[in-house]
């Protein structure tokens, strides 16, 4: 009997060990408390409140009134601006994110091949990313001004067509893409660091095997930098879904009036709604028209789409990122 009791008690921690583990857990919890409070106050509570307000009619001046799914029914069936804004945002997600990733990788690859002046060119390419967004858009729209901009003056001197750029509905979104490529220095720096971190031994082994440059990039460079590519894609998609400042400023400056659309509804998404984004329409509904219940419904849909896209990309990352568990 004594032997059996000792055997059972031998598998259990002693009171002193349990007290030590309890103190360790309390210590960890104490260090995590500021973060937990921040998440609860600035994320969880606003998220829950936004979901609740999305089922109400609320104008900030009177108490919220429960209306059920009315806001969502109006969004999906009776609000034509949502369709235009969603299309423009989806266009930016697909084209802008892809262009920035590819162009940033190309610039980083070019910089790594420079024999001298690496620091100079790295600084030159990164500087546009340090410019405040509003100032950068102002300068960029000035450069592409159809009448007085240097770009069209140069094109005219060369006998080439002079597009309207931000004043042309068919060119306004491509112009925003060029603006995004101009400030691609943030991605370039990340890609540059990952490219410089690729083991040189693998390049030497590939050279001994007689592979060409494309095969070297495909089978050596790409597998090593694939986690960074996935990171750039995920963060780029999230940023594009919330695209706001550049589109608003470009539209207001190109139209000749510095406004976010609150003063003149005709300027919203100028020209002809081609620069209207989902985040911009949410802002106008909530802070111009004071339809905060409807704006909350728009925000909930944006959050759901962002979360869904992020989860899909993270799930795909397991098969696309080389070296991770379960990869091909």
Protein backbone atom coordinates (compact mmCIF):
# COMPACT_ATOMS: atom_id res chain seq x y z
CA UNK A 1 0.00 0.00 0.00
CA UNK A 2 2.80 2.44 0.89
CA UNK A 3 4.60 1.64 -2.31
CA UNK A 4 1.43 2.28 -4.36
CA UNK A 5 0.76 5.61 -2.66
CA UNK A 6 4.35 6.70 -3.19
CA UNK A 7 4.12 5.72 -6.83
CA UNK A 8 0.97 7.78 -7.31
CA UNK A 9 2.38 10.76 -5.51
CA UNK A 10 5.65 10.51 -7.41
CA UNK A 11 3.92 11.65 -10.63
CA UNK A 12 2.51 14.80 -9.05
CA UNK A 13 4.48 18.04 -8.52
CA UNK A 14 5.27 19.01 -4.98
CA UNK A 15 3.45 21.96 -3.32
CA UNK A 16 6.62 24.03 -3.60
CA UNK A 17 6.87 23.34 -7.34
CA UNK A 18 3.19 24.19 -7.85
CA UNK A 19 3.65 27.47 -5.99
CA UNK A 20 6.69 28.29 -8.13
CA UNK A 21 4.77 27.64 -11.35
CA UNK A 22 1.86 29.77 -10.07
CA UNK A 23 4.24 32.65 -9.38
CA UNK A 24 5.72 32.30 -12.87
CA UNK A 25 2.26 32.43 -14.46
CA UNK A 26 1.35 35.51 -12.43
CA UNK A 27 4.62 37.17 -13.45
CA UNK A 28 3.95 36.49 -17.13
CA UNK A 29 0.37 37.75 -16.74
CA UNK A 30 1.62 40.92 -15.04
CA UNK A 31 3.95 41.66 -17.96
CA UNK A 32 1.14 40.94 -20.46
CA UNK A 33 -1.43 43.09 -18.64
CA UNK A 34 -0.62 46.37 -20.48
CA UNK A 35 -0.90 44.62 -23.84
CA UNK A 36 -4.10 42.81 -22.86
CA UNK A 37 -5.65 46.07 -21.65
CA UNK A 38 -4.64 47.82 -24.88
CA UNK A 39 -6.17 45.09 -27.03
CA UNK A 40 -9.36 45.02 -24.97
CA UNK A 41 -9.81 48.80 -24.91
CA UNK A 42 -8.64 49.75 -28.40
CA UNK A 43 -9.63 46.68 -30.44
CA UNK A 44 -12.09 44.27 -28.87
CA UNK A 45 -14.45 46.87 -27.38
CA UNK A 46 -14.55 49.07 -30.54
CA UNK A 47 -15.09 45.96 -32.67
CA UNK A 48 -18.02 44.76 -30.55
CA UNK A 49 -19.51 48.25 -30.43
CA UNK A 50 -19.15 48.65 -34.21
CA UNK A 51 -20.92 45.33 -34.82
CA UNK A 52 -23.75 46.44 -32.54
CA UNK A 53 -24.06 49.87 -34.18
CA UNK A 54 -24.20 48.23 -37.62
CA UNK A 55 -27.66 46.92 -36.69
CA UNK A 56 -28.90 50.35 -35.62
CA UNK A 57 -29.82 53.75 -37.00
CA UNK A 58 -27.38 56.14 -35.36
CA UNK A 59 -26.47 59.74 -36.15
CA UNK A 60 -24.29 60.58 -33.11
CA UNK A 61 -26.92 63.04 -31.84
CA UNK A 62 -29.65 60.63 -30.76
CA UNK A 63 -29.50 57.18 -29.13
CA UNK A 64 -29.02 54.21 -31.48
CA UNK A 65 -32.27 52.64 -32.72
CA UNK A 66 -32.28 48.92 -33.51
CA UNK A 67 -33.23 48.25 -37.15
CA UNK A 68 -31.84 44.74 -37.65
CA UNK A 69 -30.35 43.95 -41.07
CA UNK A 70 -31.64 47.10 -42.77
CA UNK A 71 -28.18 48.63 -43.15
CA UNK A 72 -26.81 45.46 -44.73
CA UNK A 73 -29.79 45.09 -47.07
CA UNK A 74 -29.38 48.68 -48.20
CA UNK A 75 -25.63 48.14 -48.73
CA UNK A 76 -26.03 45.09 -50.95
CA UNK A 77 -29.17 46.10 -52.86
CA UNK A 78 -29.74 49.87 -52.93
CA UNK A 79 -26.41 51.68 -52.67
CA UNK A 80 -24.81 51.98 -56.13
CA UNK A 81 -21.80 53.82 -54.72
CA UNK A 82 -20.76 50.71 -52.79
CA UNK A 83 -20.47 48.74 -56.04
CA UNK A 84 -18.26 51.43 -57.60
CA UNK A 85 -16.15 51.77 -54.46
CA UNK A 86 -15.75 48.00 -54.09
CA UNK A 87 -14.72 47.65 -57.76
CA UNK A 88 -12.12 50.42 -57.47
CA UNK A 89 -10.75 48.94 -54.25
CA UNK A 90 -10.57 45.44 -55.75
CA UNK A 91 -8.78 46.88 -58.80
CA UNK A 92 -6.20 48.51 -56.52
CA UNK A 93 -5.77 45.31 -54.50
CA UNK A 94 -5.01 43.26 -57.61
CA UNK A 95 -3.04 45.75 -59.71
CA UNK A 96 -1.39 48.04 -57.16
CA UNK A 97 -0.22 45.30 -54.79
CA UNK A 98 1.10 43.12 -57.61
CA UNK A 99 2.88 46.05 -59.28
CA UNK A 100 4.47 47.23 -56.03
CA UNK A 101 5.74 43.77 -55.11
CA UNK A 102 7.18 43.08 -58.56
CA UNK A 103 8.68 46.55 -58.98
CA UNK A 104 10.12 46.58 -55.46
CA UNK A 105 11.71 43.18 -56.05
CA UNK A 106 13.10 44.31 -59.42
CA UNK A 107 14.63 47.47 -57.94
CA UNK A 108 16.12 45.52 -55.02
CA UNK A 109 17.61 42.96 -57.42
CA UNK A 110 19.09 45.77 -59.52
CA UNK A 111 20.63 47.45 -56.48
CA UNK A 112 22.24 44.21 -55.30
CA UNK A 113 24.01 43.89 -58.66
CA UNK A 114 25.67 47.30 -58.41
CA UNK A 115 29.43 47.13 -58.03
CA UNK A 116 29.71 50.56 -56.42
CA UNK A 117 27.44 53.24 -55.00
CA UNK A 118 25.18 50.73 -53.25
CA UNK A 119 24.51 53.07 -50.33
CA UNK A 120 23.77 56.04 -52.60
CA UNK A 121 21.25 54.22 -54.79
CA UNK A 122 19.64 52.56 -51.78
CA UNK A 123 19.10 56.00 -50.25
CA UNK A 124 17.79 57.51 -53.49
CA UNK A 125 15.23 54.77 -53.99
CA UNK A 126 14.14 54.84 -50.35
CA UNK A 127 13.75 58.62 -49.97
CA UNK A 128 10.27 58.84 -51.61
CA UNK A 129 8.94 56.44 -48.98
CA UNK A 130 9.86 59.00 -46.30
CA UNK A 131 7.76 61.76 -47.86
CA UNK A 132 4.43 62.34 -46.01
CA UNK A 133 1.56 60.89 -48.07
CA UNK A 134 -0.25 64.19 -48.60
CA UNK A 135 2.90 66.05 -49.66
CA UNK A 136 3.89 63.19 -51.95
CA UNK A 137 0.50 63.15 -53.69
CA UNK A 138 0.53 66.94 -54.10
CA UNK A 139 3.93 66.83 -55.76
CA UNK A 140 3.00 63.86 -57.93
CA UNK A 141 -0.27 65.41 -59.17
CA UNK A 142 1.62 68.63 -59.94
CA UNK A 143 4.16 66.70 -62.03
CA UNK A 144 1.34 65.04 -64.01
CA UNK A 145 -0.81 68.15 -64.38
CA UNK A 146 -2.23 67.96 -67.94
CA UNK A 147 -1.68 71.67 -68.69
CA UNK A 148 1.40 72.76 -66.76
CA UNK A 149 3.02 69.57 -65.48
CA UNK A 150 6.62 68.80 -66.50
CA UNK A 151 5.69 65.27 -67.61
CA UNK A 152 3.26 66.42 -70.27
CA UNK A 153 5.58 69.24 -71.33
CA UNK A 154 8.33 66.71 -71.97
CA UNK A 155 5.91 64.42 -73.83
CA UNK A 156 4.73 67.34 -75.93
CA UNK A 157 8.30 68.34 -76.78
CA UNK A 158 8.90 64.76 -77.96
CA UNK A 159 5.77 64.82 -80.10
CA UNK A 160 4.01 62.22 -77.95
CA UNK A 161 0.39 62.27 -76.72
CA UNK A 162 -0.25 64.23 -73.52
CA UNK A 163 -2.74 62.28 -71.38
CA UNK A 164 -5.02 63.85 -68.79
CA UNK A 165 -3.69 61.48 -66.11
CA UNK A 166 -5.63 62.10 -62.87
CA UNK A 167 -8.35 63.99 -64.80
CA UNK A 168 -9.09 61.01 -67.06
CA UNK A 169 -11.39 58.29 -65.59
CA UNK A 170 -9.54 55.60 -67.54
CA UNK A 171 -6.11 56.76 -66.34
CA UNK A 172 -6.79 57.91 -62.79
CA UNK A 173 -6.29 54.49 -61.18
CA UNK A 174 -3.17 53.69 -63.27
CA UNK A 175 -1.86 57.10 -62.16
CA UNK A 176 -2.39 56.05 -58.54
CA UNK A 177 -0.43 52.88 -59.32
CA UNK A 178 2.45 54.98 -60.62
CA UNK A 179 2.26 57.00 -57.42
CA UNK A 180 2.53 53.75 -55.46
CA UNK A 181 5.53 52.65 -57.52
CA UNK A 182 7.23 55.99 -56.87
CA UNK A 183 7.06 55.30 -53.13
CA UNK A 184 8.08 51.65 -53.33
CA UNK A 185 11.23 52.26 -51.28
CA UNK A 186 9.75 50.64 -48.17
CA UNK A 187 9.33 47.33 -49.97
CA UNK A 188 12.65 47.73 -51.76
CA UNK A 189 14.54 47.91 -48.46
CA UNK A 190 12.86 44.75 -47.16
CA UNK A 191 13.54 42.86 -50.38
CA UNK A 192 17.12 44.14 -50.46
CA UNK A 193 17.79 42.77 -46.99
CA UNK A 194 16.32 39.38 -47.91
CA UNK A 195 18.30 39.20 -51.15
CA UNK A 196 21.55 40.01 -49.40
CA UNK A 197 20.77 37.28 -46.88
CA UNK A 198 20.62 34.51 -49.51
CA UNK A 199 23.57 32.14 -48.91
CA UNK A 200 26.27 32.71 -51.50
CA UNK A 201 27.16 29.02 -51.38
CA UNK A 202 23.88 28.22 -53.11
CA UNK A 203 24.66 30.63 -55.95
CA UNK A 204 28.12 29.09 -56.30
CA UNK A 205 26.64 25.60 -56.43
CA UNK A 206 24.14 26.72 -59.06
CA UNK A 207 26.94 28.27 -61.13
CA UNK A 208 28.84 24.99 -61.01
CA UNK A 209 25.73 23.21 -62.28
CA UNK A 210 25.59 25.62 -65.24
CA UNK A 211 22.16 27.09 -64.56
CA UNK A 212 21.13 30.30 -66.34
CA UNK A 213 20.15 33.52 -64.52
CA UNK A 214 16.42 32.79 -64.65
CA UNK A 215 16.90 29.30 -63.22
CA UNK A 216 19.16 30.75 -60.52
CA UNK A 217 16.41 33.19 -59.56
CA UNK A 218 13.70 30.52 -59.77
CA UNK A 219 15.42 27.80 -57.79
CA UNK A 220 17.79 29.70 -55.49
CA UNK A 221 16.62 33.28 -54.90
CA UNK A 222 12.86 32.76 -54.87
CA UNK A 223 12.82 29.90 -52.35
CA UNK A 224 14.94 31.93 -49.92
CA UNK A 225 12.93 35.15 -50.13
CA UNK A 226 9.45 33.58 -50.38
CA UNK A 227 8.56 34.34 -46.72
CA UNK A 228 9.34 38.02 -47.34
CA UNK A 229 7.27 37.98 -50.54
CA UNK A 230 4.33 36.55 -48.62
CA UNK A 231 4.72 39.21 -45.94
CA UNK A 232 4.74 41.95 -48.58
CA UNK A 233 1.65 40.51 -50.25
CA UNK A 234 -0.36 40.24 -47.02
CA UNK A 235 0.51 43.72 -45.75
CA UNK A 236 -0.03 45.17 -49.22
CA UNK A 237 -3.51 43.67 -49.53
CA UNK A 238 -4.51 44.96 -46.10
CA UNK A 239 -3.24 48.46 -46.95
CA UNK A 240 -4.99 48.45 -50.35
CA UNK A 241 -8.32 47.46 -48.78
CA UNK A 242 -7.99 50.58 -46.60
CA UNK A 243 -6.70 52.83 -49.41
CA UNK A 244 -7.83 56.35 -48.57
CA UNK A 245 -5.42 59.29 -48.29
CA UNK A 246 -3.79 59.11 -51.72
CA UNK A 247 -7.09 58.72 -53.58
CA UNK A 248 -8.80 61.56 -51.70
CA UNK A 249 -5.94 64.03 -52.07
CA UNK A 250 -5.32 63.17 -55.73
CA UNK A 251 -9.01 63.61 -56.58
CA UNK A 252 -9.33 66.91 -54.74
CA UNK A 253 -6.13 68.39 -56.19
CA UNK A 254 -6.85 67.21 -59.73
CA UNK A 255 -10.33 68.73 -59.54
CA UNK A 256 -8.87 72.03 -58.44
CA UNK A 257 -10.51 72.10 -55.00
CA UNK A 258 -8.79 70.96 -51.81
CA UNK A 259 -11.63 69.02 -50.19
CA UNK A 260 -12.33 65.42 -49.15
CA UNK A 261 -15.76 65.48 -50.77
CA UNK A 262 -17.62 66.99 -47.84
CA UNK A 263 -18.10 70.35 -49.52
CA UNK A 264 -19.13 69.16 -52.98
CA UNK A 265 -20.50 65.69 -53.60
CA UNK A 266 -19.56 65.95 -57.29
CA UNK A 267 -15.89 65.76 -56.33
CA UNK A 268 -16.30 62.42 -54.60
CA UNK A 269 -14.04 59.97 -56.44
CA UNK A 270 -13.16 62.52 -59.13
CA UNK A 271 -13.15 62.00 -62.04
CA UNK A 272 -16.52 60.25 -62.46
CA UNK A 273 -16.10 58.07 -59.38
CA UNK A 274 -12.96 56.39 -60.73
CA UNK A 275 -10.94 57.09 -57.56
CA UNK A 276 -13.73 56.38 -55.08
CA UNK A 277 -12.53 53.68 -52.66
CA UNK A 278 -14.44 51.67 -50.10
CA UNK A 279 -12.70 53.39 -47.18
CA UNK A 280 -13.51 56.80 -48.66
CA UNK A 281 -17.20 55.97 -49.00
CA UNK A 282 -17.23 54.71 -45.40
CA UNK A 283 -15.72 58.01 -44.26
CA UNK A 284 -18.25 60.07 -46.17
CA UNK A 285 -21.22 58.08 -44.84
CA UNK A 286 -19.99 58.28 -41.26
CA UNK A 287 -18.44 61.73 -40.96
CA UNK A 288 -20.14 63.75 -43.71
CA UNK A 289 -23.68 62.39 -43.68
CA UNK A 290 -23.58 61.15 -40.06
CA UNK A 291 -25.05 57.77 -40.99
CA UNK A 292 -22.90 56.13 -38.35
CA UNK A 293 -25.00 52.97 -38.22
CA UNK A 294 -24.58 52.43 -41.95
CA UNK A 295 -20.90 53.37 -41.74
CA UNK A 296 -20.49 50.76 -39.01
CA UNK A 297 -22.02 48.14 -41.33
CA UNK A 298 -19.54 49.17 -44.03
CA UNK A 299 -16.71 48.86 -41.50
CA UNK A 300 -17.85 45.39 -40.42
CA UNK A 301 -17.88 44.19 -44.03
CA UNK A 302 -14.41 45.68 -44.59
CA UNK A 303 -13.11 43.95 -41.48
CA UNK A 304 -14.64 40.63 -42.51
CA UNK A 305 -13.17 40.84 -46.01
CA UNK A 306 -9.74 41.87 -44.70
CA UNK A 307 -9.76 39.03 -42.17
CA UNK A 308 -10.92 36.50 -44.76
CA UNK A 309 -8.31 37.52 -47.32
CA UNK A 310 -5.57 37.49 -44.68
CA UNK A 311 -6.55 34.02 -43.47
CA UNK A 312 -6.62 32.70 -47.03
CA UNK A 313 -3.16 34.13 -47.74
CA UNK A 314 -1.79 32.76 -44.48
CA UNK A 315 -3.27 29.36 -45.27
CA UNK A 316 -1.75 29.44 -48.73
CA UNK A 317 1.55 30.53 -47.24
CA UNK A 318 2.06 27.02 -45.88
CA UNK A 319 2.25 25.69 -49.43
CA UNK A 320 3.84 28.74 -51.06
CA UNK A 321 6.56 29.58 -48.58
CA UNK A 322 9.52 27.27 -48.94
CA UNK A 323 10.99 25.76 -45.85
CA UNK A 324 7.80 25.90 -43.75
CA UNK A 325 6.22 22.83 -42.29
CA UNK A 326 4.21 20.95 -44.83
CA UNK A 327 5.53 22.82 -47.85
CA UNK A 328 5.93 21.24 -51.20
